Amino acid sequence: KARKRLSQSQSVKVNHSLFIKASLSDDNDAISCVINSHAYWILVAQNMQS
């Protein structure tokens, strides 16, 4: 379980940086990107709790 959690947190960090890069690279999609990343983090938080 510990290894699985570690790999999950690593992938989360990568995905978060991708969201940031996407929002910085395209101003038109910045707002939708923030909304998508926010929904993603809620999903991650729910997965961590269960």
PDB file of N, CA and C in Angstrom:
ATOM      1  N   LYS A   1       0.837  -1.212   0.000  1.00  0.00           N
ATOM      2  CA  LYS A   1       0.000   0.000   0.000  1.00  0.00           C
ATOM      3  C   LYS A   1       0.869   1.258   0.000  1.00  0.00           C
ATOM      4  N   ALA A   2       1.944   1.224   0.738  1.00  0.00           N
ATOM      5  CA  ALA A   2       2.822   2.399   0.830  1.00  0.00           C
ATOM      6  C   ALA A   2       3.391   2.752  -0.541  1.00  0.00           C
ATOM      7  N   ARG A   3       3.798   1.737  -1.291  1.00  0.00           N
ATOM      8  CA  ARG A   3       4.359   1.978  -2.620  1.00  0.00           C
ATOM      9  C   ARG A   3       3.315   2.559  -3.550  1.00  0.00           C
ATOM     10  N   LYS A   4       2.096   2.042  -3.453  1.00  0.00           N
ATOM     11  CA  LYS A   4       1.021   2.531  -4.319  1.00  0.00           C
ATOM     12  C   LYS A   4       0.726   4.004  -4.032  1.00  0.00           C
ATOM     13  N   ARG A   5       0.692   4.352  -2.748  1.00  0.00           N
ATOM     14  CA  ARG A   5       0.433   5.744  -2.373  1.00  0.00           C
ATOM     15  C   ARG A   5       1.542   6.667  -2.870  1.00  0.00           C
ATOM     16  N   LEU A   6       2.775   6.190  -2.799  1.00  0.00           N
ATOM     17  CA  LEU A   6       3.912   6.984  -3.241  1.00  0.00           C
ATOM     18  C   LEU A   6       3.816   7.266  -4.731  1.00  0.00           C
ATOM     19  N   SER A   7       3.515   6.226  -5.514  1.00  0.00           N
ATOM     20  CA  SER A   7       3.408   6.400  -6.961  1.00  0.00           C
ATOM     21  C   SER A   7       2.237   7.317  -7.300  1.00  0.00           C
ATOM     22  N   GLN A   8       1.163   7.236  -6.514  1.00  0.00           N
ATOM     23  CA  GLN A   8       0.013   8.111  -6.737  1.00  0.00           C
ATOM     24  C   GLN A   8       0.407   9.572  -6.529  1.00  0.00           C
ATOM     25  N   SER A   9       1.103   9.859  -5.424  1.00  0.00           N
ATOM     26  CA  SER A   9       1.485  11.230  -5.115  1.00  0.00           C
ATOM     27  C   SER A   9       2.447  11.775  -6.165  1.00  0.00           C
ATOM     28  N   GLN A  10       3.312  10.918  -6.686  1.00  0.00           N
ATOM     29  CA  GLN A  10       4.247  11.344  -7.725  1.00  0.00           C
ATOM     30  C   GLN A  10       3.494  11.718  -8.997  1.00  0.00           C
ATOM     31  N   SER A  11       2.521  10.903  -9.389  1.00  0.00           N
ATOM     32  CA  SER A  11       1.752  11.183 -10.589  1.00  0.00           C
ATOM     33  C   SER A  11       0.915  12.449 -10.414  1.00  0.00           C
ATOM     34  N   VAL A  12       0.454  12.677  -9.181  1.00  0.00           N
ATOM     35  CA  VAL A  12      -0.312  13.885  -8.882  1.00  0.00           C
ATOM     36  C   VAL A  12       0.549  15.125  -9.105  1.00  0.00           C
ATOM     37  N   LYS A  13       1.794  15.072  -8.639  1.00  0.00           N
ATOM     38  CA  LYS A  13       2.700  16.207  -8.807  1.00  0.00           C
ATOM     39  C   LYS A  13       2.939  16.485 -10.287  1.00  0.00           C
ATOM     40  N   VAL A  14       3.144  15.442 -11.057  1.00  0.00           N
ATOM     41  CA  VAL A  14       3.377  15.586 -12.497  1.00  0.00           C
ATOM     42  C   VAL A  14       2.158  16.212 -13.173  1.00  0.00           C
ATOM     43  N   ASN A  15       0.967  15.692 -12.834  1.00  0.00           N
ATOM     44  CA  ASN A  15      -0.257  16.206 -13.429  1.00  0.00           C
ATOM     45  C   ASN A  15      -0.471  17.672 -13.054  1.00  0.00           C
ATOM     46  N   HIS A  16      -0.149  18.022 -11.820  1.00  0.00           N
ATOM     47  CA  HIS A  16      -0.323  19.394 -11.363  1.00  0.00           C
ATOM     48  C   HIS A  16       0.579  20.345 -12.157  1.00  0.00           C
ATOM     49  N   SER A  17       1.819  19.926 -12.390  1.00  0.00           N
ATOM     50  CA  SER A  17       2.745  20.761 -13.151  1.00  0.00           C
ATOM     51  C   SER A  17       2.274  20.894 -14.596  1.00  0.00           C
ATOM     52  N   LEU A  18       1.659  19.844 -15.133  1.00  0.00           N
ATOM     53  CA  LEU A  18       1.130  19.891 -16.496  1.00  0.00           C
ATOM     54  C   LEU A  18      -0.018  20.885 -16.582  1.00  0.00           C
ATOM     55  N   PHE A  19      -0.866  20.896 -15.541  1.00  0.00           N
ATOM     56  CA  PHE A  19      -1.966  21.862 -15.505  1.00  0.00           C
ATOM     57  C   PHE A  19      -1.440  23.291 -15.498  1.00  0.00           C
ATOM     58  N   ILE A  20      -0.393  23.520 -14.704  1.00  0.00           N
ATOM     59  CA  ILE A  20       0.193  24.859 -14.614  1.00  0.00           C
ATOM     60  C   ILE A  20       0.773  25.272 -15.968  1.00  0.00           C
ATOM     61  N   LYS A  21       1.516  24.369 -16.599  1.00  0.00           N
ATOM     62  CA  LYS A  21       2.120  24.673 -17.895  1.00  0.00           C
ATOM     63  C   LYS A  21       1.041  24.974 -18.932  1.00  0.00           C
ATOM     64  N   ALA A  22      -0.038  24.205 -18.904  1.00  0.00           N
ATOM     65  CA  ALA A  22      -1.119  24.396 -19.863  1.00  0.00           C
ATOM     66  C   ALA A  22      -1.775  25.764 -19.675  1.00  0.00           C
ATOM     67  N   SER A  23      -1.983  26.150 -18.420  1.00  0.00           N
ATOM     68  CA  SER A  23      -2.636  27.425 -18.136  1.00  0.00           C
ATOM     69  C   SER A  23      -1.736  28.592 -18.531  1.00  0.00           C
ATOM     70  N   LEU A  24      -0.417  28.406 -18.400  1.00  0.00           N
ATOM     71  CA  LEU A  24       0.514  29.475 -18.747  1.00  0.00           C
ATOM     72  C   LEU A  24       0.698  29.598 -20.260  1.00  0.00           C
ATOM     73  N   SER A  25       0.614  28.451 -20.955  1.00  0.00           N
ATOM     74  CA  SER A  25       0.904  28.451 -22.387  1.00  0.00           C
ATOM     75  C   SER A  25      -0.243  29.011 -23.219  1.00  0.00           C
ATOM     76  N   ASP A  26      -1.470  28.861 -22.738  1.00  0.00           N
ATOM     77  CA  ASP A  26      -2.627  29.306 -23.528  1.00  0.00           C
ATOM     78  C   ASP A  26      -3.581  30.109 -22.657  1.00  0.00           C
ATOM     79  N   ASP A  27      -3.556  31.425 -22.817  1.00  0.00           N
ATOM     80  CA  ASP A  27      -4.383  32.311 -21.983  1.00  0.00           C
ATOM     81  C   ASP A  27      -5.871  32.043 -22.178  1.00  0.00           C
ATOM     82  N   ASN A  28      -6.263  31.672 -23.409  1.00  0.00           N
ATOM     83  CA  ASN A  28      -7.680  31.443 -23.693  1.00  0.00           C
ATOM     84  C   ASN A  28      -8.234  30.272 -22.893  1.00  0.00           C
ATOM     85  N   ASP A  29      -7.389  29.280 -22.632  1.00  0.00           N
ATOM     86  CA  ASP A  29      -7.845  28.086 -21.929  1.00  0.00           C
ATOM     87  C   ASP A  29      -7.503  28.110 -20.442  1.00  0.00           C
ATOM     88  N   ALA A  30      -6.952  29.223 -19.978  1.00  0.00           N
ATOM     89  CA  ALA A  30      -6.472  29.292 -18.594  1.00  0.00           C
ATOM     90  C   ALA A  30      -7.603  29.058 -17.593  1.00  0.00           C
ATOM     91  N   ILE A  31      -8.737  29.705 -17.817  1.00  0.00           N
ATOM     92  CA  ILE A  31      -9.856  29.591 -16.874  1.00  0.00           C
ATOM     93  C   ILE A  31     -10.392  28.169 -16.836  1.00  0.00           C
ATOM     94  N   SER A  32     -10.620  27.582 -18.011  1.00  0.00           N
ATOM     95  CA  SER A  32     -11.135  26.212 -18.057  1.00  0.00           C
ATOM     96  C   SER A  32     -10.117  25.239 -17.479  1.00  0.00           C
ATOM     97  N   CYS A  33      -8.838  25.550 -17.655  1.00  0.00           N
ATOM     98  CA  CYS A  33      -7.772  24.700 -17.117  1.00  0.00           C
ATOM     99  C   CYS A  33      -7.800  24.718 -15.603  1.00  0.00           C
ATOM    100  N   VAL A  34      -7.989  25.894 -15.024  1.00  0.00           N
ATOM    101  CA  VAL A  34      -8.067  26.014 -13.566  1.00  0.00           C
ATOM    102  C   VAL A  34      -9.260  25.237 -13.034  1.00  0.00           C
ATOM    103  N   ILE A  35     -10.387  25.357 -13.728  1.00  0.00           N
ATOM    104  CA  ILE A  35     -11.590  24.626 -13.313  1.00  0.00           C
ATOM    105  C   ILE A  35     -11.344  23.122 -13.383  1.00  0.00           C
ATOM    106  N   ASN A  36     -10.715  22.662 -14.453  1.00  0.00           N
ATOM    107  CA  ASN A  36     -10.438  21.236 -14.632  1.00  0.00           C
ATOM    108  C   ASN A  36      -9.479  20.734 -13.559  1.00  0.00           C
ATOM    109  N   SER A  37      -8.439  21.512 -13.260  1.00  0.00           N
ATOM    110  CA  SER A  37      -7.463  21.097 -12.255  1.00  0.00           C
ATOM    111  C   SER A  37      -8.111  21.073 -10.874  1.00  0.00           C
ATOM    112  N   HIS A  38      -9.032  22.029 -10.625  1.00  0.00           N
ATOM    113  CA  HIS A  38      -9.731  22.064  -9.341  1.00  0.00           C
ATOM    114  C   HIS A  38     -10.586  20.813  -9.178  1.00  0.00           C
ATOM    115  N   ALA A  39     -11.300  20.438 -10.217  1.00  0.00           N
ATOM    116  CA  ALA A  39     -12.121  19.227 -10.188  1.00  0.00           C
ATOM    117  C   ALA A  39     -11.240  17.994 -10.013  1.00  0.00           C
ATOM    118  N   TYR A  40     -10.065  18.036 -10.644  1.00  0.00           N
ATOM    119  CA  TYR A  40      -9.119  16.918 -10.535  1.00  0.00           C
ATOM    120  C   TYR A  40      -8.636  16.752  -9.099  1.00  0.00           C
ATOM    121  N   TRP A  41      -8.326  17.865  -8.426  1.00  0.00           N
ATOM    122  CA  TRP A  41      -7.822  17.790  -7.054  1.00  0.00           C
ATOM    123  C   TRP A  41      -8.902  17.310  -6.093  1.00  0.00           C
ATOM    124  N   ILE A  42     -10.160  17.671  -6.366  1.00  0.00           N
ATOM    125  CA  ILE A  42     -11.271  17.164  -5.547  1.00  0.00           C
ATOM    126  C   ILE A  42     -11.344  15.641  -5.694  1.00  0.00           C
ATOM    127  N   LEU A  43     -11.191  15.168  -6.933  1.00  0.00           N
ATOM    128  CA  LEU A  43     -11.214  13.732  -7.213  1.00  0.00           C
ATOM    129  C   LEU A  43     -10.074  13.034  -6.481  1.00  0.00           C
ATOM    130  N   VAL A  44      -8.895  13.626  -6.517  1.00  0.00           N
ATOM    131  CA  VAL A  44      -7.722  13.063  -5.835  1.00  0.00           C
ATOM    132  C   VAL A  44      -7.971  12.990  -4.332  1.00  0.00           C
ATOM    133  N   ALA A  45      -8.517  14.058  -3.767  1.00  0.00           N
ATOM    134  CA  ALA A  45      -8.782  14.108  -2.326  1.00  0.00           C
ATOM    135  C   ALA A  45      -9.765  13.019  -1.915  1.00  0.00           C
ATOM    136  N   GLN A  46     -10.776  12.788  -2.742  1.00  0.00           N
ATOM    137  CA  GLN A  46     -11.756  11.751  -2.454  1.00  0.00           C
ATOM    138  C   GLN A  46     -11.106  10.374  -2.512  1.00  0.00           C
ATOM    139  N   ASN A  47     -10.199  10.178  -3.456  1.00  0.00           N
ATOM    140  CA  ASN A  47      -9.512   8.891  -3.587  1.00  0.00           C
ATOM    141  C   ASN A  47      -8.586   8.644  -2.408  1.00  0.00           C
ATOM    142  N   MET A  48      -7.968   9.710  -1.893  1.00  0.00           N
ATOM    143  CA  MET A  48      -7.061   9.583  -0.756  1.00  0.00           C
ATOM    144  C   MET A  48      -7.838   9.165   0.494  1.00  0.00           C
ATOM    145  N   GLN A  49      -9.038   9.710   0.668  1.00  0.00           N
ATOM    146  CA  GLN A  49      -9.837   9.429   1.854  1.00  0.00           C
ATOM    147  C   GLN A  49     -10.336   7.989   1.863  1.00  0.00           C
ATOM    148  N   SER A  50     -10.720   7.476   0.724  1.00  0.00           N
ATOM    149  CA  SER A  50     -11.299   6.128   0.658  1.00  0.00           C
ATOM    150  C   SER A  50     -10.236   5.044   0.759  1.00  0.00           C
TER     151      SER A  50
END
